[in-house]
């Protein structure tokens, strides 16, 4: 009787561990897909790239005056606040 049970255990042992390994792989793959889906769902969709050209803005300010001058305050030749 115990020999029959031992033989059944020896026969079922590789199948049990193969099934357990397969289930662990399936769970791992499902968890990776869920994490990837959540990351893609939570990530921002619109990327607003703001181009900043320092030289172009300096040329614009030089050509169009300065903010201080537009406010009516005295400015020097560089568009900076003039101390009177």
PDB file of N, CA and C in Angstrom:
ATOM      1  N   UNK A   1       0.823  -1.192   0.000  1.00  0.00           N
ATOM      2  CA  UNK A   1       0.000   0.000   0.000  1.00  0.00           C
ATOM      3  C   UNK A   1       0.870   1.259   0.000  1.00  0.00           C
ATOM      4  N   UNK A   2       1.847   1.305   0.893  1.00  0.00           N
ATOM      5  CA  UNK A   2       2.721   2.483   0.938  1.00  0.00           C
ATOM      6  C   UNK A   2       3.597   2.558  -0.299  1.00  0.00           C
ATOM      7  N   UNK A   3       3.915   1.403  -0.894  1.00  0.00           N
ATOM      8  CA  UNK A   3       4.698   1.413  -2.130  1.00  0.00           C
ATOM      9  C   UNK A   3       3.891   2.022  -3.269  1.00  0.00           C
ATOM     10  N   UNK A   4       2.594   1.743  -3.293  1.00  0.00           N
ATOM     11  CA  UNK A   4       1.735   2.312  -4.330  1.00  0.00           C
ATOM     12  C   UNK A   4       1.642   3.835  -4.184  1.00  0.00           C
ATOM     13  N   UNK A   5       1.543   4.277  -2.958  1.00  0.00           N
ATOM     14  CA  UNK A   5       1.464   5.723  -2.709  1.00  0.00           C
ATOM     15  C   UNK A   5       2.796   6.370  -3.074  1.00  0.00           C
ATOM     16  N   UNK A   6       3.902   5.742  -2.740  1.00  0.00           N
ATOM     17  CA  UNK A   6       5.226   6.283  -3.082  1.00  0.00           C
ATOM     18  C   UNK A   6       5.398   6.363  -4.594  1.00  0.00           C
ATOM     19  N   UNK A   7       4.946   5.351  -5.304  1.00  0.00           N
ATOM     20  CA  UNK A   7       5.024   5.368  -6.765  1.00  0.00           C
ATOM     21  C   UNK A   7       4.149   6.473  -7.350  1.00  0.00           C
ATOM     22  N   UNK A   8       2.970   6.663  -6.803  1.00  0.00           N
ATOM     23  CA  UNK A   8       2.089   7.740  -7.280  1.00  0.00           C
ATOM     24  C   UNK A   8       2.711   9.118  -7.034  1.00  0.00           C
ATOM     25  N   UNK A   9       3.341   9.275  -5.864  1.00  0.00           N
ATOM     26  CA  UNK A   9       3.985  10.557  -5.546  1.00  0.00           C
ATOM     27  C   UNK A   9       5.157  10.799  -6.483  1.00  0.00           C
ATOM     28  N   UNK A  10       5.967   9.771  -6.728  1.00  0.00           N
ATOM     29  CA  UNK A  10       7.102   9.910  -7.642  1.00  0.00           C
ATOM     30  C   UNK A  10       6.635  10.230  -9.056  1.00  0.00           C
ATOM     31  N   UNK A  11       5.517   9.643  -9.451  1.00  0.00           N
ATOM     32  CA  UNK A  11       4.987   9.892 -10.790  1.00  0.00           C
ATOM     33  C   UNK A  11       4.384  11.305 -10.895  1.00  0.00           C
ATOM     34  N   UNK A  12       3.741  11.759  -9.845  1.00  0.00           N
ATOM     35  CA  UNK A  12       3.054  13.052  -9.891  1.00  0.00           C
ATOM     36  C   UNK A  12       3.977  14.238  -9.592  1.00  0.00           C
ATOM     37  N   UNK A  13       5.103  13.977  -8.956  1.00  0.00           N
ATOM     38  CA  UNK A  13       5.992  15.069  -8.528  1.00  0.00           C
ATOM     39  C   UNK A  13       6.456  15.943  -9.695  1.00  0.00           C
ATOM     40  N   UNK A  14       6.986  15.401 -10.799  1.00  0.00           N
ATOM     41  CA  UNK A  14       7.402  16.275 -11.912  1.00  0.00           C
ATOM     42  C   UNK A  14       6.228  17.028 -12.532  1.00  0.00           C
ATOM     43  N   UNK A  15       5.084  16.374 -12.630  1.00  0.00           N
ATOM     44  CA  UNK A  15       3.910  17.043 -13.200  1.00  0.00           C
ATOM     45  C   UNK A  15       3.446  18.193 -12.311  1.00  0.00           C
ATOM     46  N   UNK A  16       3.508  17.972 -11.002  1.00  0.00           N
ATOM     47  CA  UNK A  16       3.091  19.007 -10.053  1.00  0.00           C
ATOM     48  C   UNK A  16       3.995  20.237 -10.170  1.00  0.00           C
ATOM     49  N   UNK A  17       5.328  20.001 -10.201  1.00  0.00           N
ATOM     50  CA  UNK A  17       6.250  21.123 -10.269  1.00  0.00           C
ATOM     51  C   UNK A  17       6.219  21.818 -11.633  1.00  0.00           C
ATOM     52  N   UNK A  18       5.963  21.054 -12.701  1.00  0.00           N
ATOM     53  CA  UNK A  18       5.829  21.656 -14.030  1.00  0.00           C
ATOM     54  C   UNK A  18       4.594  22.554 -14.075  1.00  0.00           C
ATOM     55  N   UNK A  19       3.498  22.089 -13.502  1.00  0.00           N
ATOM     56  CA  UNK A  19       2.273  22.896 -13.469  1.00  0.00           C
ATOM     57  C   UNK A  19       2.473  24.146 -12.611  1.00  0.00           C
ATOM     58  N   UNK A  20       3.161  23.965 -11.477  1.00  0.00           N
ATOM     59  CA  UNK A  20       3.410  25.092 -10.589  1.00  0.00           C
ATOM     60  C   UNK A  20       4.289  26.134 -11.291  1.00  0.00           C
ATOM     61  N   UNK A  21       5.338  25.682 -11.998  1.00  0.00           N
ATOM     62  CA  UNK A  21       6.226  26.587 -12.723  1.00  0.00           C
ATOM     63  C   UNK A  21       5.463  27.305 -13.837  1.00  0.00           C
ATOM     64  N   UNK A  22       4.624  26.567 -14.571  1.00  0.00           N
ATOM     65  CA  UNK A  22       3.841  27.181 -15.647  1.00  0.00           C
ATOM     66  C   UNK A  22       2.876  28.228 -15.101  1.00  0.00           C
ATOM     67  N   UNK A  23       2.221  27.926 -13.981  1.00  0.00           N
ATOM     68  CA  UNK A  23       1.305  28.894 -13.375  1.00  0.00           C
ATOM     69  C   UNK A  23       2.054  30.132 -12.896  1.00  0.00           C
ATOM     70  N   UNK A  24       3.258  29.952 -12.353  1.00  0.00           N
ATOM     71  CA  UNK A  24       4.047  31.108 -11.917  1.00  0.00           C
ATOM     72  C   UNK A  24       4.460  31.972 -13.102  1.00  0.00           C
ATOM     73  N   UNK A  25       4.818  31.343 -14.214  1.00  0.00           N
ATOM     74  CA  UNK A  25       5.179  32.103 -15.410  1.00  0.00           C
ATOM     75  C   UNK A  25       3.968  32.873 -15.937  1.00  0.00           C
ATOM     76  N   UNK A  26       2.823  32.228 -15.950  1.00  0.00           N
ATOM     77  CA  UNK A  26       1.606  32.902 -16.422  1.00  0.00           C
ATOM     78  C   UNK A  26       1.267  34.092 -15.525  1.00  0.00           C
ATOM     79  N   UNK A  27       1.390  33.920 -14.229  1.00  0.00           N
ATOM     80  CA  UNK A  27       1.102  35.015 -13.298  1.00  0.00           C
ATOM     81  C   UNK A  27       2.100  36.156 -13.473  1.00  0.00           C
ATOM     82  N   UNK A  28       3.374  35.822 -13.696  1.00  0.00           N
ATOM     83  CA  UNK A  28       4.393  36.851 -13.885  1.00  0.00           C
ATOM     84  C   UNK A  28       4.143  37.643 -15.161  1.00  0.00           C
ATOM     85  N   UNK A  29       3.838  36.951 -16.244  1.00  0.00           N
ATOM     86  CA  UNK A  29       3.563  37.634 -17.520  1.00  0.00           C
ATOM     87  C   UNK A  29       2.322  38.514 -17.391  1.00  0.00           C
ATOM     88  N   UNK A  30       1.300  38.027 -16.724  1.00  0.00           N
ATOM     89  CA  UNK A  30       0.090  38.829 -16.523  1.00  0.00           C
ATOM     90  C   UNK A  30       0.392  40.063 -15.680  1.00  0.00           C
ATOM     91  N   UNK A  31       1.224  39.916 -14.651  1.00  0.00           N
ATOM     92  CA  UNK A  31       1.574  41.062 -13.810  1.00  0.00           C
ATOM     93  C   UNK A  31       2.373  42.095 -14.602  1.00  0.00           C
ATOM     94  N   UNK A  32       3.280  41.645 -15.476  1.00  0.00           N
ATOM     95  CA  UNK A  32       4.051  42.578 -16.306  1.00  0.00           C
ATOM     96  C   UNK A  32       3.127  43.331 -17.249  1.00  0.00           C
ATOM     97  N   UNK A  33       2.177  42.631 -17.867  1.00  0.00           N
ATOM     98  CA  UNK A  33       1.238  43.311 -18.760  1.00  0.00           C
ATOM     99  C   UNK A  33       0.370  44.309 -18.013  1.00  0.00           C
ATOM    100  N   UNK A  34      -0.083  43.951 -16.826  1.00  0.00           N
ATOM    101  CA  UNK A  34      -0.899  44.869 -16.033  1.00  0.00           C
ATOM    102  C   UNK A  34      -0.088  46.102 -15.654  1.00  0.00           C
ATOM    103  N   UNK A  35       1.170  45.908 -15.232  1.00  0.00           N
ATOM    104  CA  UNK A  35       2.023  47.054 -14.874  1.00  0.00           C
ATOM    105  C   UNK A  35       2.286  47.940 -16.082  1.00  0.00           C
ATOM    106  N   UNK A  36       2.569  47.335 -17.232  1.00  0.00           N
ATOM    107  CA  UNK A  36       2.805  48.116 -18.447  1.00  0.00           C
ATOM    108  C   UNK A  36       1.555  48.891 -18.848  1.00  0.00           C
ATOM    109  N   UNK A  37       0.402  48.260 -18.747  1.00  0.00           N
ATOM    110  CA  UNK A  37      -0.848  48.945 -19.082  1.00  0.00           C
ATOM    111  C   UNK A  37      -1.098  50.111 -18.136  1.00  0.00           C
ATOM    112  N   UNK A  38      -0.884  49.901 -16.838  1.00  0.00           N
ATOM    113  CA  UNK A  38      -1.119  50.970 -15.873  1.00  0.00           C
ATOM    114  C   UNK A  38      -0.149  52.122 -16.079  1.00  0.00           C
ATOM    115  N   UNK A  39       1.113  51.811 -16.374  1.00  0.00           N
ATOM    116  CA  UNK A  39       2.080  52.875 -16.626  1.00  0.00           C
ATOM    117  C   UNK A  39       1.724  53.657 -17.880  1.00  0.00           C
ATOM    118  N   UNK A  40       1.287  52.976 -18.920  1.00  0.00           N
ATOM    119  CA  UNK A  40       0.909  53.695 -20.134  1.00  0.00           C
ATOM    120  C   UNK A  40      -0.380  54.489 -19.928  1.00  0.00           C
ATOM    121  N   UNK A  41      -1.264  53.997 -19.089  1.00  0.00           N
ATOM    122  CA  UNK A  41      -2.511  54.704 -18.827  1.00  0.00           C
ATOM    123  C   UNK A  41      -2.284  55.930 -17.949  1.00  0.00           C
ATOM    124  N   UNK A  42      -1.356  55.829 -16.994  1.00  0.00           N
ATOM    125  CA  UNK A  42      -1.120  56.934 -16.075  1.00  0.00           C
ATOM    126  C   UNK A  42      -0.138  57.971 -16.615  1.00  0.00           C
ATOM    127  N   UNK A  43       0.599  57.641 -17.646  1.00  0.00           N
ATOM    128  CA  UNK A  43       1.585  58.585 -18.167  1.00  0.00           C
ATOM    129  C   UNK A  43       0.884  59.694 -18.955  1.00  0.00           C
ATOM    130  N   UNK A  44       1.473  60.883 -18.943  1.00  0.00           N
ATOM    131  CA  UNK A  44       0.853  61.992 -19.688  1.00  0.00           C
ATOM    132  C   UNK A  44       0.897  61.733 -21.192  1.00  0.00           C
ATOM    133  N   UNK A  45      -0.149  62.127 -21.865  1.00  0.00           N
ATOM    134  CA  UNK A  45      -0.252  61.867 -23.298  1.00  0.00           C
ATOM    135  C   UNK A  45       0.289  63.020 -24.142  1.00  0.00           C
ATOM    136  N   UNK A  46       0.096  64.241 -23.699  1.00  0.00           N
ATOM    137  CA  UNK A  46       0.513  65.404 -24.487  1.00  0.00           C
ATOM    138  C   UNK A  46       1.839  65.929 -23.955  1.00  0.00           C
ATOM    139  N   UNK A  47       2.812  65.920 -24.823  1.00  0.00           N
ATOM    140  CA  UNK A  47       4.110  66.465 -24.461  1.00  0.00           C
ATOM    141  C   UNK A  47       4.237  67.840 -25.108  1.00  0.00           C
ATOM    142  N   UNK A  48       4.256  68.859 -24.281  1.00  0.00           N
ATOM    143  CA  UNK A  48       4.367  70.223 -24.786  1.00  0.00           C
ATOM    144  C   UNK A  48       5.841  70.613 -24.756  1.00  0.00           C
ATOM    145  N   UNK A  49       6.445  70.632 -25.930  1.00  0.00           N
ATOM    146  CA  UNK A  49       7.846  71.019 -26.024  1.00  0.00           C
ATOM    147  C   UNK A  49       7.905  72.523 -26.215  1.00  0.00           C
ATOM    148  N   UNK A  50       8.619  73.170 -25.360  1.00  0.00           N
ATOM    149  CA  UNK A  50       8.715  74.614 -25.415  1.00  0.00           C
ATOM    150  C   UNK A  50      10.098  74.982 -25.932  1.00  0.00           C
ATOM    151  N   UNK A  51      10.119  75.534 -27.127  1.00  0.00           N
ATOM    152  CA  UNK A  51      11.378  75.910 -27.752  1.00  0.00           C
ATOM    153  C   UNK A  51      11.799  77.268 -27.220  1.00  0.00           C
ATOM    154  N   UNK A  52      12.979  77.320 -26.658  1.00  0.00           N
ATOM    155  CA  UNK A  52      13.469  78.572 -26.097  1.00  0.00           C
ATOM    156  C   UNK A  52      14.751  78.961 -26.808  1.00  0.00           C
ATOM    157  N   UNK A  53      14.669  80.011 -27.590  1.00  0.00           N
ATOM    158  CA  UNK A  53      15.840  80.505 -28.300  1.00  0.00           C
ATOM    159  C   UNK A  53      16.253  81.826 -27.668  1.00  0.00           C
ATOM    160  N   UNK A  54      17.353  81.785 -26.956  1.00  0.00           N
ATOM    161  CA  UNK A  54      17.795  82.959 -26.210  1.00  0.00           C
ATOM    162  C   UNK A  54      18.147  84.104 -27.153  1.00  0.00           C
ATOM    163  N   UNK A  55      18.839  83.778 -28.244  1.00  0.00           N
ATOM    164  CA  UNK A  55      19.246  84.837 -29.165  1.00  0.00           C
ATOM    165  C   UNK A  55      18.048  85.479 -29.845  1.00  0.00           C
ATOM    166  N   UNK A  56      17.064  84.686 -30.214  1.00  0.00           N
ATOM    167  CA  UNK A  56      15.877  85.235 -30.864  1.00  0.00           C
ATOM    168  C   UNK A  56      15.109  86.144 -29.908  1.00  0.00           C
ATOM    169  N   UNK A  57      15.025  85.753 -28.634  1.00  0.00           N
ATOM    170  CA  UNK A  57      14.313  86.607 -27.694  1.00  0.00           C
ATOM    171  C   UNK A  57      15.082  87.894 -27.424  1.00  0.00           C
ATOM    172  N   UNK A  58      16.407  87.815 -27.409  1.00  0.00           N
ATOM    173  CA  UNK A  58      17.201  89.041 -27.228  1.00  0.00           C
ATOM    174  C   UNK A  58      17.034  89.979 -28.421  1.00  0.00           C
ATOM    175  N   UNK A  59      17.015  89.427 -29.616  1.00  0.00           N
ATOM    176  CA  UNK A  59      16.810  90.250 -30.816  1.00  0.00           C
ATOM    177  C   UNK A  59      15.423  90.869 -30.791  1.00  0.00           C
ATOM    178  N   UNK A  60      14.419  90.107 -30.357  1.00  0.00           N
ATOM    179  CA  UNK A  60      13.064  90.623 -30.285  1.00  0.00           C
ATOM    180  C   UNK A  60      12.983  91.793 -29.302  1.00  0.00           C
ATOM    181  N   UNK A  61      13.609  91.635 -28.148  1.00  0.00           N
ATOM    182  CA  UNK A  61      13.574  92.700 -27.146  1.00  0.00           C
ATOM    183  C   UNK A  61      14.311  93.929 -27.663  1.00  0.00           C
ATOM    184  N   UNK A  62      15.426  93.713 -28.346  1.00  0.00           N
ATOM    185  CA  UNK A  62      16.195  94.844 -28.878  1.00  0.00           C
ATOM    186  C   UNK A  62      15.400  95.584 -29.952  1.00  0.00           C
ATOM    187  N   UNK A  63      14.740  94.830 -30.809  1.00  0.00           N
ATOM    188  CA  UNK A  63      13.985  95.468 -31.892  1.00  0.00           C
ATOM    189  C   UNK A  63      12.703  96.136 -31.403  1.00  0.00           C
ATOM    190  N   UNK A  64      12.062  95.576 -30.392  1.00  0.00           N
ATOM    191  CA  UNK A  64      10.747  96.060 -29.982  1.00  0.00           C
ATOM    192  C   UNK A  64      10.757  96.797 -28.647  1.00  0.00           C
ATOM    193  N   UNK A  65      11.904  97.166 -28.155  1.00  0.00           N
ATOM    194  CA  UNK A  65      11.960  97.878 -26.894  1.00  0.00           C
ATOM    195  C   UNK A  65      11.930  96.921 -25.722  1.00  0.00           C
ATOM    196  N   UNK A  66      11.827  97.465 -24.540  1.00  0.00           N
ATOM    197  CA  UNK A  66      11.828  96.627 -23.351  1.00  0.00           C
ATOM    198  C   UNK A  66      10.515  96.790 -22.593  1.00  0.00           C
ATOM    199  N   UNK A  67      10.312  95.924 -21.649  1.00  0.00           N
ATOM    200  CA  UNK A  67       9.103  95.967 -20.832  1.00  0.00           C
ATOM    201  C   UNK A  67       9.114  97.220 -19.968  1.00  0.00           C
ATOM    202  N   UNK A  68      10.275  97.580 -19.482  1.00  0.00           N
ATOM    203  CA  UNK A  68      10.394  98.775 -18.638  1.00  0.00           C
ATOM    204  C   UNK A  68      10.026 100.021 -19.439  1.00  0.00           C
ATOM    205  N   UNK A  69      10.480 100.064 -20.680  1.00  0.00           N
ATOM    206  CA  UNK A  69      10.156 101.204 -21.539  1.00  0.00           C
ATOM    207  C   UNK A  69       8.663 101.244 -21.848  1.00  0.00           C
ATOM    208  N   UNK A  70       8.070 100.070 -22.031  1.00  0.00           N
ATOM    209  CA  UNK A  70       6.631 100.006 -22.291  1.00  0.00           C
ATOM    210  C   UNK A  70       5.820 100.481 -21.090  1.00  0.00           C
ATOM    211  N   UNK A  71       6.388 100.364 -19.880  1.00  0.00           N
ATOM    212  CA  UNK A  71       5.705 100.830 -18.676  1.00  0.00           C
ATOM    213  C   UNK A  71       5.834 102.342 -18.506  1.00  0.00           C
ATOM    214  N   UNK A  72       6.654 102.982 -19.331  1.00  0.00           N
ATOM    215  CA  UNK A  72       6.794 104.435 -19.258  1.00  0.00           C
ATOM    216  C   UNK A  72       7.925 104.895 -18.353  1.00  0.00           C
ATOM    217  N   UNK A  73       8.780 104.005 -17.913  1.00  0.00           N
ATOM    218  CA  UNK A  73       9.904 104.373 -17.058  1.00  0.00           C
ATOM    219  C   UNK A  73      11.099 104.747 -17.925  1.00  0.00           C
ATOM    220  N   UNK A  74      12.001 105.578 -17.399  1.00  0.00           N
ATOM    221  CA  UNK A  74      13.172 105.966 -18.192  1.00  0.00           C
ATOM    222  C   UNK A  74      14.145 104.796 -18.357  1.00  0.00           C
ATOM    223  N   UNK A  75      14.633 104.635 -19.579  1.00  0.00           N
ATOM    224  CA  UNK A  75      15.583 103.549 -19.874  1.00  0.00           C
ATOM    225  C   UNK A  75      16.814 104.121 -20.559  1.00  0.00           C
ATOM    226  N   UNK A  76      17.913 103.380 -20.475  1.00  0.00           N
ATOM    227  CA  UNK A  76      19.125 103.785 -21.184  1.00  0.00           C
ATOM    228  C   UNK A  76      19.133 103.149 -22.571  1.00  0.00           C
ATOM    229  N   UNK A  77      20.272 103.236 -23.280  1.00  0.00           N
ATOM    230  CA  UNK A  77      20.344 102.740 -24.658  1.00  0.00           C
ATOM    231  C   UNK A  77      20.242 101.212 -24.747  1.00  0.00           C
ATOM    232  N   UNK A  78      20.442 100.521 -23.633  1.00  0.00           N
ATOM    233  CA  UNK A  78      20.340  99.053 -23.623  1.00  0.00           C
ATOM    234  C   UNK A  78      18.957  98.561 -23.213  1.00  0.00           C
ATOM    235  N   UNK A  79      18.060  99.448 -22.890  1.00  0.00           N
ATOM    236  CA  UNK A  79      16.718  99.058 -22.467  1.00  0.00           C
ATOM    237  C   UNK A  79      16.629  98.759 -20.984  1.00  0.00           C
ATOM    238  N   UNK A  80      17.663  99.119 -20.233  1.00  0.00           N
ATOM    239  CA  UNK A  80      17.663  98.926 -18.789  1.00  0.00           C
ATOM    240  C   UNK A  80      17.156 100.166 -18.095  1.00  0.00           C
ATOM    241  N   UNK A  81      16.704 100.001 -16.863  1.00  0.00           N
ATOM    242  CA  UNK A  81      16.159 101.108 -16.087  1.00  0.00           C
ATOM    243  C   UNK A  81      17.267 102.138 -15.839  1.00  0.00           C
ATOM    244  N   UNK A  82      17.003 103.360 -16.236  1.00  0.00           N
ATOM    245  CA  UNK A  82      17.988 104.439 -16.057  1.00  0.00           C
ATOM    246  C   UNK A  82      17.773 105.097 -14.702  1.00  0.00           C
ATOM    247  N   UNK A  83      18.869 105.261 -13.976  1.00  0.00           N
ATOM    248  CA  UNK A  83      18.791 105.937 -12.683  1.00  0.00           C
ATOM    249  C   UNK A  83      18.914 107.425 -12.946  1.00  0.00           C
ATOM    250  N   UNK A  84      17.924 108.169 -12.510  1.00  0.00           N
ATOM    251  CA  UNK A  84      17.868 109.601 -12.768  1.00  0.00           C
ATOM    252  C   UNK A  84      18.336 110.382 -11.580  1.00  0.00           C
TER     253      UNK A  84
END
